[in-house]
Amino acid sequence: MDLIDIGIYFAYILFFIAAGAMFVLPVVNALRSPKDLVKSGMALGVMAVLFIIAYAISGSELTPKWISLGLKTEFGSRMIGAGLTTFYFVFAIAIIGMIFSEISKALK
């Protein structure tokens, strides 16, 4: 076993520790403050509703270009469209939120 293998194994161990902490620490904080857990649940619900709306308005057409790139089903086309539309929704909401925040700070 050479030094590169040891480094790779060490990186794997650090990755799994970080991934575990990513799940464990929010749960520990949520148990201390249940109000934050409700807020997080509401945010996930809003994201789910946005995704459902985006899925409903997404197109399901398959062009020869998309088929040549490996997209084979209309469901896949709709999911890609829904993901992009959800991203655009969240991006617009974030921009509006930043503008509103700056204006409200300036008026105080």
PDB file of N, CA and C in Angstrom:
ATOM      1  N   MET A   1       0.857  -1.172   0.000  1.00  0.00           N
ATOM      2  CA  MET A   1       0.000   0.000   0.000  1.00  0.00           C
ATOM      3  C   MET A   1       0.904   1.236   0.000  1.00  0.00           C
ATOM      4  N   ASP A   2       0.721   2.060  -0.986  1.00  0.00           N
ATOM      5  CA  ASP A   2       1.564   3.237  -1.041  1.00  0.00           C
ATOM      6  C   ASP A   2       0.841   4.459  -0.481  1.00  0.00           C
ATOM      7  N   LEU A   3       1.523   5.566  -0.514  1.00  0.00           N
ATOM      8  CA  LEU A   3       1.032   6.787   0.115  1.00  0.00           C
ATOM      9  C   LEU A   3      -0.241   7.319  -0.535  1.00  0.00           C
ATOM     10  N   ILE A   4      -0.387   7.127  -1.834  1.00  0.00           N
ATOM     11  CA  ILE A   4      -1.577   7.605  -2.539  1.00  0.00           C
ATOM     12  C   ILE A   4      -2.812   6.869  -2.045  1.00  0.00           C
ATOM     13  N   ASP A   5      -2.709   5.556  -1.860  1.00  0.00           N
ATOM     14  CA  ASP A   5      -3.841   4.782  -1.345  1.00  0.00           C
ATOM     15  C   ASP A   5      -4.255   5.259   0.041  1.00  0.00           C
ATOM     16  N   ILE A   6      -3.287   5.532   0.887  1.00  0.00           N
ATOM     17  CA  ILE A   6      -3.598   6.014   2.241  1.00  0.00           C
ATOM     18  C   ILE A   6      -4.323   7.351   2.160  1.00  0.00           C
ATOM     19  N   GLY A   7      -3.881   8.211   1.268  1.00  0.00           N
ATOM     20  CA  GLY A   7      -4.536   9.510   1.101  1.00  0.00           C
ATOM     21  C   GLY A   7      -5.967   9.371   0.611  1.00  0.00           C
ATOM     22  N   ILE A   8      -6.184   8.440  -0.314  1.00  0.00           N
ATOM     23  CA  ILE A   8      -7.542   8.225  -0.838  1.00  0.00           C
ATOM     24  C   ILE A   8      -8.455   7.679   0.252  1.00  0.00           C
ATOM     25  N   TYR A   9      -7.944   6.708   1.032  1.00  0.00           N
ATOM     26  CA  TYR A   9      -8.756   6.157   2.128  1.00  0.00           C
ATOM     27  C   TYR A   9      -9.063   7.228   3.172  1.00  0.00           C
ATOM     28  N   PHE A  10      -8.081   8.063   3.458  1.00  0.00           N
ATOM     29  CA  PHE A  10      -8.294   9.155   4.414  1.00  0.00           C
ATOM     30  C   PHE A  10      -9.349  10.132   3.888  1.00  0.00           C
ATOM     31  N   ALA A  11      -9.307  10.422   2.580  1.00  0.00           N
ATOM     32  CA  ALA A  11     -10.307  11.313   1.984  1.00  0.00           C
ATOM     33  C   ALA A  11     -11.698  10.689   2.061  1.00  0.00           C
ATOM     34  N   TYR A  12     -11.796   9.359   1.835  1.00  0.00           N
ATOM     35  CA  TYR A  12     -13.088   8.681   1.973  1.00  0.00           C
ATOM     36  C   TYR A  12     -13.615   8.783   3.393  1.00  0.00           C
ATOM     37  N   ILE A  13     -12.756   8.557   4.365  1.00  0.00           N
ATOM     38  CA  ILE A  13     -13.172   8.639   5.772  1.00  0.00           C
ATOM     39  C   ILE A  13     -13.664  10.046   6.093  1.00  0.00           C
ATOM     40  N   LEU A  14     -12.923  11.060   5.661  1.00  0.00           N
ATOM     41  CA  LEU A  14     -13.346  12.443   5.917  1.00  0.00           C
ATOM     42  C   LEU A  14     -14.663  12.759   5.220  1.00  0.00           C
ATOM     43  N   PHE A  15     -14.850  12.229   4.005  1.00  0.00           N
ATOM     44  CA  PHE A  15     -16.098  12.455   3.282  1.00  0.00           C
ATOM     45  C   PHE A  15     -17.280  11.868   4.043  1.00  0.00           C
ATOM     46  N   PHE A  16     -17.135  10.640   4.531  1.00  0.00           N
ATOM     47  CA  PHE A  16     -18.242  10.004   5.246  1.00  0.00           C
ATOM     48  C   PHE A  16     -18.510  10.682   6.588  1.00  0.00           C
ATOM     49  N   ILE A  17     -17.485  11.181   7.238  1.00  0.00           N
ATOM     50  CA  ILE A  17     -17.690  11.940   8.482  1.00  0.00           C
ATOM     51  C   ILE A  17     -18.456  13.226   8.178  1.00  0.00           C
ATOM     52  N   ALA A  18     -18.068  13.922   7.111  1.00  0.00           N
ATOM     53  CA  ALA A  18     -18.758  15.163   6.742  1.00  0.00           C
ATOM     54  C   ALA A  18     -20.198  14.891   6.332  1.00  0.00           C
ATOM     55  N   ALA A  19     -20.428  13.811   5.584  1.00  0.00           N
ATOM     56  CA  ALA A  19     -21.789  13.468   5.168  1.00  0.00           C
ATOM     57  C   ALA A  19     -22.641  13.108   6.375  1.00  0.00           C
ATOM     58  N   GLY A  20     -22.078  12.376   7.310  1.00  0.00           N
ATOM     59  CA  GLY A  20     -22.815  12.041   8.532  1.00  0.00           C
ATOM     60  C   GLY A  20     -23.137  13.276   9.348  1.00  0.00           C
ATOM     61  N   ALA A  21     -22.181  14.185   9.470  1.00  0.00           N
ATOM     62  CA  ALA A  21     -22.415  15.424  10.218  1.00  0.00           C
ATOM     63  C   ALA A  21     -23.476  16.285   9.542  1.00  0.00           C
ATOM     64  N   MET A  22     -23.540  16.195   8.210  1.00  0.00           N
ATOM     65  CA  MET A  22     -24.530  16.977   7.481  1.00  0.00           C
ATOM     66  C   MET A  22     -25.949  16.555   7.867  1.00  0.00           C
ATOM     67  N   PHE A  23     -26.134  15.296   8.230  1.00  0.00           N
ATOM     68  CA  PHE A  23     -27.453  14.821   8.628  1.00  0.00           C
ATOM     69  C   PHE A  23     -27.669  14.881  10.135  1.00  0.00           C
ATOM     70  N   VAL A  24     -26.639  14.614  10.915  1.00  0.00           N
ATOM     71  CA  VAL A  24     -26.797  14.518  12.372  1.00  0.00           C
ATOM     72  C   VAL A  24     -26.930  15.894  13.016  1.00  0.00           C
ATOM     73  N   LEU A  25     -26.099  16.846  12.640  1.00  0.00           N
ATOM     74  CA  LEU A  25     -26.110  18.147  13.301  1.00  0.00           C
ATOM     75  C   LEU A  25     -27.433  18.905  13.136  1.00  0.00           C
ATOM     76  N   PRO A  26     -28.066  18.943  11.957  1.00  0.00           N
ATOM     77  CA  PRO A  26     -29.374  19.596  11.881  1.00  0.00           C
ATOM     78  C   PRO A  26     -30.436  18.915  12.742  1.00  0.00           C
ATOM     79  N   VAL A  27     -30.364  17.592  12.874  1.00  0.00           N
ATOM     80  CA  VAL A  27     -31.330  16.890  13.726  1.00  0.00           C
ATOM     81  C   VAL A  27     -31.121  17.277  15.188  1.00  0.00           C
ATOM     82  N   VAL A  28     -29.874  17.368  15.619  1.00  0.00           N
ATOM     83  CA  VAL A  28     -29.586  17.769  16.994  1.00  0.00           C
ATOM     84  C   VAL A  28     -30.092  19.189  17.243  1.00  0.00           C
ATOM     85  N   ASN A  29     -29.850  20.102  16.301  1.00  0.00           N
ATOM     86  CA  ASN A  29     -30.341  21.472  16.458  1.00  0.00           C
ATOM     87  C   ASN A  29     -31.860  21.533  16.424  1.00  0.00           C
ATOM     88  N   ALA A  30     -32.488  20.704  15.615  1.00  0.00           N
ATOM     89  CA  ALA A  30     -33.951  20.696  15.535  1.00  0.00           C
ATOM     90  C   ALA A  30     -34.563  20.188  16.831  1.00  0.00           C
ATOM     91  N   LEU A  31     -33.917  19.244  17.484  1.00  0.00           N
ATOM     92  CA  LEU A  31     -34.439  18.749  18.752  1.00  0.00           C
ATOM     93  C   LEU A  31     -34.354  19.810  19.847  1.00  0.00           C
ATOM     94  N   ARG A  32     -33.384  20.710  19.735  1.00  0.00           N
ATOM     95  CA  ARG A  32     -33.276  21.814  20.703  1.00  0.00           C
ATOM     96  C   ARG A  32     -34.351  22.873  20.461  1.00  0.00           C
ATOM     97  N   SER A  33     -34.706  23.079  19.201  1.00  0.00           N
ATOM     98  CA  SER A  33     -35.667  24.128  18.843  1.00  0.00           C
ATOM     99  C   SER A  33     -36.658  23.584  17.812  1.00  0.00           C
ATOM    100  N   PRO A  34     -37.809  23.052  18.264  1.00  0.00           N
ATOM    101  CA  PRO A  34     -38.778  22.488  17.320  1.00  0.00           C
ATOM    102  C   PRO A  34     -39.378  23.509  16.351  1.00  0.00           C
ATOM    103  N   LYS A  35     -39.361  24.786  16.710  1.00  0.00           N
ATOM    104  CA  LYS A  35     -39.891  25.814  15.791  1.00  0.00           C
ATOM    105  C   LYS A  35     -39.093  25.842  14.487  1.00  0.00           C
ATOM    106  N   ASP A  36     -37.786  25.665  14.599  1.00  0.00           N
ATOM    107  CA  ASP A  36     -36.958  25.649  13.390  1.00  0.00           C
ATOM    108  C   ASP A  36     -37.285  24.456  12.509  1.00  0.00           C
ATOM    109  N   LEU A  37     -37.642  23.344  13.122  1.00  0.00           N
ATOM    110  CA  LEU A  37     -38.016  22.165  12.361  1.00  0.00           C
ATOM    111  C   LEU A  37     -39.298  22.421  11.567  1.00  0.00           C
ATOM    112  N   VAL A  38     -40.245  23.139  12.166  1.00  0.00           N
ATOM    113  CA  VAL A  38     -41.488  23.474  11.464  1.00  0.00           C
ATOM    114  C   VAL A  38     -41.188  24.404  10.283  1.00  0.00           C
ATOM    115  N   LYS A  39     -40.298  25.362  10.495  1.00  0.00           N
ATOM    116  CA  LYS A  39     -39.931  26.278   9.410  1.00  0.00           C
ATOM    117  C   LYS A  39     -39.270  25.519   8.261  1.00  0.00           C
ATOM    118  N   SER A  40     -38.415  24.570   8.597  1.00  0.00           N
ATOM    119  CA  SER A  40     -37.759  23.776   7.560  1.00  0.00           C
ATOM    120  C   SER A  40     -38.778  22.926   6.808  1.00  0.00           C
ATOM    121  N   GLY A  41     -39.727  22.366   7.527  1.00  0.00           N
ATOM    122  CA  GLY A  41     -40.776  21.582   6.888  1.00  0.00           C
ATOM    123  C   GLY A  41     -41.622  22.422   5.952  1.00  0.00           C
ATOM    124  N   MET A  42     -41.920  23.660   6.378  1.00  0.00           N
ATOM    125  CA  MET A  42     -42.689  24.553   5.510  1.00  0.00           C
ATOM    126  C   MET A  42     -41.892  24.889   4.249  1.00  0.00           C
ATOM    127  N   ALA A  43     -40.585  25.104   4.402  1.00  0.00           N
ATOM    128  CA  ALA A  43     -39.755  25.411   3.232  1.00  0.00           C
ATOM    129  C   ALA A  43     -39.728  24.228   2.270  1.00  0.00           C
ATOM    130  N   LEU A  44     -39.616  23.010   2.799  1.00  0.00           N
ATOM    131  CA  LEU A  44     -39.647  21.832   1.932  1.00  0.00           C
ATOM    132  C   LEU A  44     -41.001  21.692   1.243  1.00  0.00           C
ATOM    133  N   GLY A  45     -42.068  22.014   1.954  1.00  0.00           N
ATOM    134  CA  GLY A  45     -43.404  21.966   1.354  1.00  0.00           C
ATOM    135  C   GLY A  45     -43.544  22.962   0.220  1.00  0.00           C
ATOM    136  N   VAL A  46     -43.038  24.172   0.424  1.00  0.00           N
ATOM    137  CA  VAL A  46     -43.089  25.192  -0.636  1.00  0.00           C
ATOM    138  C   VAL A  46     -42.285  24.735  -1.847  1.00  0.00           C
ATOM    139  N   MET A  47     -41.110  24.135  -1.596  1.00  0.00           N
ATOM    140  CA  MET A  47     -40.303  23.636  -2.719  1.00  0.00           C
ATOM    141  C   MET A  47     -41.039  22.521  -3.466  1.00  0.00           C
ATOM    142  N   ALA A  48     -41.734  21.656  -2.736  1.00  0.00           N
ATOM    143  CA  ALA A  48     -42.492  20.584  -3.382  1.00  0.00           C
ATOM    144  C   ALA A  48     -43.616  21.151  -4.235  1.00  0.00           C
ATOM    145  N   VAL A  49     -44.303  22.166  -3.721  1.00  0.00           N
ATOM    146  CA  VAL A  49     -45.389  22.799  -4.484  1.00  0.00           C
ATOM    147  C   VAL A  49     -44.824  23.467  -5.733  1.00  0.00           C
ATOM    148  N   LEU A  50     -43.685  24.166  -5.598  1.00  0.00           N
ATOM    149  CA  LEU A  50     -43.058  24.787  -6.769  1.00  0.00           C
ATOM    150  C   LEU A  50     -42.679  23.743  -7.811  1.00  0.00           C
ATOM    151  N   PHE A  51     -42.163  22.604  -7.350  1.00  0.00           N
ATOM    152  CA  PHE A  51     -41.790  21.557  -8.299  1.00  0.00           C
ATOM    153  C   PHE A  51     -43.017  20.976  -8.994  1.00  0.00           C
ATOM    154  N   ILE A  52     -44.101  20.797  -8.256  1.00  0.00           N
ATOM    155  CA  ILE A  52     -45.331  20.263  -8.854  1.00  0.00           C
ATOM    156  C   ILE A  52     -45.870  21.227  -9.904  1.00  0.00           C
ATOM    157  N   ILE A  53     -45.844  22.521  -9.600  1.00  0.00           N
ATOM    158  CA  ILE A  53     -46.285  23.522 -10.575  1.00  0.00           C
ATOM    159  C   ILE A  53     -45.376  23.496 -11.805  1.00  0.00           C
ATOM    160  N   ALA A  54     -44.071  23.417 -11.573  1.00  0.00           N
ATOM    161  CA  ALA A  54     -43.122  23.375 -12.685  1.00  0.00           C
ATOM    162  C   ALA A  54     -43.324  22.121 -13.526  1.00  0.00           C
ATOM    163  N   TYR A  55     -43.593  20.996 -12.886  1.00  0.00           N
ATOM    164  CA  TYR A  55     -43.828  19.749 -13.622  1.00  0.00           C
ATOM    165  C   TYR A  55     -45.098  19.862 -14.462  1.00  0.00           C
ATOM    166  N   ALA A  56     -46.115  20.531 -13.918  1.00  0.00           N
ATOM    167  CA  ALA A  56     -47.384  20.662 -14.629  1.00  0.00           C
ATOM    168  C   ALA A  56     -47.242  21.521 -15.886  1.00  0.00           C
ATOM    169  N   ILE A  57     -46.362  22.520 -15.854  1.00  0.00           N
ATOM    170  CA  ILE A  57     -46.239  23.405 -17.010  1.00  0.00           C
ATOM    171  C   ILE A  57     -45.109  22.985 -17.960  1.00  0.00           C
ATOM    172  N   SER A  58     -44.355  21.960 -17.600  1.00  0.00           N
ATOM    173  CA  SER A  58     -43.238  21.525 -18.450  1.00  0.00           C
ATOM    174  C   SER A  58     -43.746  20.759 -19.668  1.00  0.00           C
ATOM    175  N   GLY A  59     -43.021  20.912 -20.744  1.00  0.00           N
ATOM    176  CA  GLY A  59     -43.350  20.184 -21.963  1.00  0.00           C
ATOM    177  C   GLY A  59     -42.739  18.793 -21.944  1.00  0.00           C
ATOM    178  N   SER A  60     -43.310  17.914 -22.766  1.00  0.00           N
ATOM    179  CA  SER A  60     -42.809  16.539 -22.790  1.00  0.00           C
ATOM    180  C   SER A  60     -42.367  16.125 -24.192  1.00  0.00           C
ATOM    181  N   GLU A  61     -42.027  17.080 -25.034  1.00  0.00           N
ATOM    182  CA  GLU A  61     -41.658  16.743 -26.401  1.00  0.00           C
ATOM    183  C   GLU A  61     -40.223  16.197 -26.452  1.00  0.00           C
ATOM    184  N   LEU A  62     -40.022  15.281 -27.353  1.00  0.00           N
ATOM    185  CA  LEU A  62     -38.704  14.696 -27.585  1.00  0.00           C
ATOM    186  C   LEU A  62     -38.282  15.027 -29.011  1.00  0.00           C
ATOM    187  N   THR A  63     -37.240  15.792 -29.148  1.00  0.00           N
ATOM    188  CA  THR A  63     -36.718  16.112 -30.476  1.00  0.00           C
ATOM    189  C   THR A  63     -35.590  15.138 -30.807  1.00  0.00           C
ATOM    190  N   PRO A  64     -35.255  15.018 -32.066  1.00  0.00           N
ATOM    191  CA  PRO A  64     -34.141  14.127 -32.423  1.00  0.00           C
ATOM    192  C   PRO A  64     -32.829  14.496 -31.720  1.00  0.00           C
ATOM    193  N   LYS A  65     -32.631  15.780 -31.460  1.00  0.00           N
ATOM    194  CA  LYS A  65     -31.418  16.208 -30.757  1.00  0.00           C
ATOM    195  C   LYS A  65     -31.380  15.616 -29.355  1.00  0.00           C
ATOM    196  N   TRP A  66     -32.497  15.690 -28.637  1.00  0.00           N
ATOM    197  CA  TRP A  66     -32.539  15.173 -27.259  1.00  0.00           C
ATOM    198  C   TRP A  66     -32.407  13.656 -27.253  1.00  0.00           C
ATOM    199  N   ILE A  67     -32.981  12.992 -28.241  1.00  0.00           N
ATOM    200  CA  ILE A  67     -32.860  11.536 -28.330  1.00  0.00           C
ATOM    201  C   ILE A  67     -31.407  11.142 -28.580  1.00  0.00           C
ATOM    202  N   SER A  68     -30.714  11.919 -29.412  1.00  0.00           N
ATOM    203  CA  SER A  68     -29.301  11.609 -29.688  1.00  0.00           C
ATOM    204  C   SER A  68     -28.423  11.836 -28.462  1.00  0.00           C
ATOM    205  N   LEU A  69     -28.873  12.684 -27.543  1.00  0.00           N
ATOM    206  CA  LEU A  69     -28.121  12.932 -26.308  1.00  0.00           C
ATOM    207  C   LEU A  69     -28.448  11.920 -25.210  1.00  0.00           C
ATOM    208  N   GLY A  70     -29.346  11.001 -25.499  1.00  0.00           N
ATOM    209  CA  GLY A  70     -29.628   9.931 -24.546  1.00  0.00           C
ATOM    210  C   GLY A  70     -30.944  10.046 -23.809  1.00  0.00           C
ATOM    211  N   LEU A  71     -31.729  11.054 -24.091  1.00  0.00           N
ATOM    212  CA  LEU A  71     -33.030  11.210 -23.446  1.00  0.00           C
ATOM    213  C   LEU A  71     -34.031  10.353 -24.209  1.00  0.00           C
ATOM    214  N   LYS A  72     -34.625   9.364 -23.528  1.00  0.00           N
ATOM    215  CA  LYS A  72     -35.429   8.388 -24.250  1.00  0.00           C
ATOM    216  C   LYS A  72     -36.912   8.434 -23.945  1.00  0.00           C
ATOM    217  N   THR A  73     -37.317   9.079 -22.857  1.00  0.00           N
ATOM    218  CA  THR A  73     -38.732   9.058 -22.493  1.00  0.00           C
ATOM    219  C   THR A  73     -39.274  10.467 -22.334  1.00  0.00           C
ATOM    220  N   GLU A  74     -40.575  10.587 -22.484  1.00  0.00           N
ATOM    221  CA  GLU A  74     -41.222  11.875 -22.268  1.00  0.00           C
ATOM    222  C   GLU A  74     -41.176  12.257 -20.790  1.00  0.00           C
ATOM    223  N   PHE A  75     -41.214  11.260 -19.907  1.00  0.00           N
ATOM    224  CA  PHE A  75     -41.106  11.532 -18.472  1.00  0.00           C
ATOM    225  C   PHE A  75     -39.772  12.196 -18.147  1.00  0.00           C
ATOM    226  N   GLY A  76     -38.691  11.706 -18.758  1.00  0.00           N
ATOM    227  CA  GLY A  76     -37.376  12.310 -18.545  1.00  0.00           C
ATOM    228  C   GLY A  76     -37.334  13.744 -19.029  1.00  0.00           C
ATOM    229  N   SER A  77     -37.966  13.994 -20.173  1.00  0.00           N
ATOM    230  CA  SER A  77     -38.023  15.347 -20.704  1.00  0.00           C
ATOM    231  C   SER A  77     -38.784  16.275 -19.761  1.00  0.00           C
ATOM    232  N   ARG A  78     -39.893  15.764 -19.233  1.00  0.00           N
ATOM    233  CA  ARG A  78     -40.686  16.566 -18.285  1.00  0.00           C
ATOM    234  C   ARG A  78     -39.931  16.827 -17.000  1.00  0.00           C
ATOM    235  N   MET A  79     -39.188  15.832 -16.513  1.00  0.00           N
ATOM    236  CA  MET A  79     -38.428  16.008 -15.271  1.00  0.00           C
ATOM    237  C   MET A  79     -37.318  17.040 -15.450  1.00  0.00           C
ATOM    238  N   ILE A  80     -36.641  17.010 -16.589  1.00  0.00           N
ATOM    239  CA  ILE A  80     -35.604  18.002 -16.855  1.00  0.00           C
ATOM    240  C   ILE A  80     -36.221  19.391 -16.933  1.00  0.00           C
ATOM    241  N   GLY A  81     -37.336  19.506 -17.640  1.00  0.00           N
ATOM    242  CA  GLY A  81     -38.022  20.797 -17.727  1.00  0.00           C
ATOM    243  C   GLY A  81     -38.500  21.271 -16.366  1.00  0.00           C
ATOM    244  N   ALA A  82     -39.014  20.358 -15.556  1.00  0.00           N
ATOM    245  CA  ALA A  82     -39.488  20.738 -14.218  1.00  0.00           C
ATOM    246  C   ALA A  82     -38.326  21.185 -13.338  1.00  0.00           C
ATOM    247  N   GLY A  83     -37.198  20.508 -13.439  1.00  0.00           N
ATOM    248  CA  GLY A  83     -36.029  20.910 -12.655  1.00  0.00           C
ATOM    249  C   GLY A  83     -35.530  22.288 -13.045  1.00  0.00           C
ATOM    250  N   LEU A  84     -35.461  22.538 -14.347  1.00  0.00           N
ATOM    251  CA  LEU A  84     -35.020  23.859 -14.803  1.00  0.00           C
ATOM    252  C   LEU A  84     -36.008  24.954 -14.404  1.00  0.00           C
ATOM    253  N   THR A  85     -37.293  24.675 -14.559  1.00  0.00           N
ATOM    254  CA  THR A  85     -38.304  25.673 -14.206  1.00  0.00           C
ATOM    255  C   THR A  85     -38.296  25.942 -12.703  1.00  0.00           C
ATOM    256  N   THR A  86     -38.126  24.900 -11.901  1.00  0.00           N
ATOM    257  CA  THR A  86     -38.029  25.094 -10.452  1.00  0.00           C
ATOM    258  C   THR A  86     -36.816  25.952 -10.117  1.00  0.00           C
ATOM    259  N   PHE A  87     -35.695  25.694 -10.783  1.00  0.00           N
ATOM    260  CA  PHE A  87     -34.506  26.512 -10.572  1.00  0.00           C
ATOM    261  C   PHE A  87     -34.789  27.973 -10.900  1.00  0.00           C
ATOM    262  N   TYR A  88     -35.466  28.222 -12.008  1.00  0.00           N
ATOM    263  CA  TYR A  88     -35.780  29.601 -12.386  1.00  0.00           C
ATOM    264  C   TYR A  88     -36.710  30.251 -11.364  1.00  0.00           C
ATOM    265  N   PHE A  89     -37.709  29.505 -10.874  1.00  0.00           N
ATOM    266  CA  PHE A  89     -38.607  30.034  -9.841  1.00  0.00           C
ATOM    267  C   PHE A  89     -37.819  30.435  -8.594  1.00  0.00           C
ATOM    268  N   VAL A  90     -36.973  29.536  -8.122  1.00  0.00           N
ATOM    269  CA  VAL A  90     -36.221  29.793  -6.890  1.00  0.00           C
ATOM    270  C   VAL A  90     -35.240  30.941  -7.100  1.00  0.00           C
ATOM    271  N   PHE A  91     -34.618  30.997  -8.268  1.00  0.00           N
ATOM    272  CA  PHE A  91     -33.697  32.083  -8.576  1.00  0.00           C
ATOM    273  C   PHE A  91     -34.418  33.434  -8.555  1.00  0.00           C
ATOM    274  N   ALA A  92     -35.592  33.499  -9.182  1.00  0.00           N
ATOM    275  CA  ALA A  92     -36.360  34.752  -9.205  1.00  0.00           C
ATOM    276  C   ALA A  92     -36.806  35.138  -7.797  1.00  0.00           C
ATOM    277  N   ILE A  93     -37.244  34.166  -7.010  1.00  0.00           N
ATOM    278  CA  ILE A  93     -37.666  34.459  -5.636  1.00  0.00           C
ATOM    279  C   ILE A  93     -36.487  34.979  -4.813  1.00  0.00           C
ATOM    280  N   ALA A  94     -35.300  34.398  -5.016  1.00  0.00           N
ATOM    281  CA  ALA A  94     -34.114  34.849  -4.290  1.00  0.00           C
ATOM    282  C   ALA A  94     -33.737  36.278  -4.670  1.00  0.00           C
ATOM    283  N   ILE A  95     -33.786  36.592  -5.961  1.00  0.00           N
ATOM    284  CA  ILE A  95     -33.458  37.950  -6.406  1.00  0.00           C
ATOM    285  C   ILE A  95     -34.455  38.948  -5.835  1.00  0.00           C
ATOM    286  N   ILE A  96     -35.738  38.621  -5.902  1.00  0.00           N
ATOM    287  CA  ILE A  96     -36.768  39.508  -5.349  1.00  0.00           C
ATOM    288  C   ILE A  96     -36.564  39.676  -3.851  1.00  0.00           C
ATOM    289  N   GLY A  97     -36.229  38.605  -3.158  1.00  0.00           N
ATOM    290  CA  GLY A  97     -35.981  38.678  -1.719  1.00  0.00           C
ATOM    291  C   GLY A  97     -34.797  39.560  -1.389  1.00  0.00           C
ATOM    292  N   MET A  98     -33.722  39.471  -2.182  1.00  0.00           N
ATOM    293  CA  MET A  98     -32.556  40.326  -1.931  1.00  0.00           C
ATOM    294  C   MET A  98     -32.891  41.792  -2.167  1.00  0.00           C
ATOM    295  N   ILE A  99     -33.619  42.075  -3.228  1.00  0.00           N
ATOM    296  CA  ILE A  99     -34.001  43.462  -3.505  1.00  0.00           C
ATOM    297  C   ILE A  99     -34.891  43.994  -2.395  1.00  0.00           C
ATOM    298  N   PHE A 100     -35.886  43.204  -1.985  1.00  0.00           N
ATOM    299  CA  PHE A 100     -36.782  43.620  -0.901  1.00  0.00           C
ATOM    300  C   PHE A 100     -36.005  43.847   0.393  1.00  0.00           C
ATOM    301  N   SER A 101     -35.058  42.982   0.695  1.00  0.00           N
ATOM    302  CA  SER A 101     -34.265  43.117   1.913  1.00  0.00           C
ATOM    303  C   SER A 101     -33.451  44.404   1.901  1.00  0.00           C
ATOM    304  N   GLU A 102     -32.822  44.714   0.779  1.00  0.00           N
ATOM    305  CA  GLU A 102     -32.014  45.929   0.693  1.00  0.00           C
ATOM    306  C   GLU A 102     -32.872  47.176   0.783  1.00  0.00           C
ATOM    307  N   ILE A 103     -34.041  47.146   0.136  1.00  0.00           N
ATOM    308  CA  ILE A 103     -34.923  48.326   0.198  1.00  0.00           C
ATOM    309  C   ILE A 103     -35.444  48.518   1.611  1.00  0.00           C
ATOM    310  N   SER A 104     -35.823  47.425   2.284  1.00  0.00           N
ATOM    311  CA  SER A 104     -36.341  47.577   3.648  1.00  0.00           C
ATOM    312  C   SER A 104     -35.254  48.023   4.604  1.00  0.00           C
ATOM    313  N   LYS A 105     -34.007  47.619   4.390  1.00  0.00           N
ATOM    314  CA  LYS A 105     -32.892  48.103   5.233  1.00  0.00           C
ATOM    315  C   LYS A 105     -32.647  49.579   4.986  1.00  0.00           C
ATOM    316  N   ALA A 106     -32.787  50.005   3.740  1.00  0.00           N
ATOM    317  CA  ALA A 106     -32.529  51.417   3.423  1.00  0.00           C
ATOM    318  C   ALA A 106     -33.606  52.316   4.001  1.00  0.00           C
ATOM    319  N   LEU A 107     -34.821  51.802   4.130  1.00  0.00           N
ATOM    320  CA  LEU A 107     -35.925  52.613   4.643  1.00  0.00           C
ATOM    321  C   LEU A 107     -35.965  52.661   6.174  1.00  0.00           C
ATOM    322  N   LYS A 108     -35.220  51.831   6.838  1.00  0.00           N
ATOM    323  CA  LYS A 108     -35.220  51.840   8.321  1.00  0.00           C
ATOM    324  C   LYS A 108     -34.314  52.865   8.890  1.00  0.00           C
TER     325      LYS A 108
END
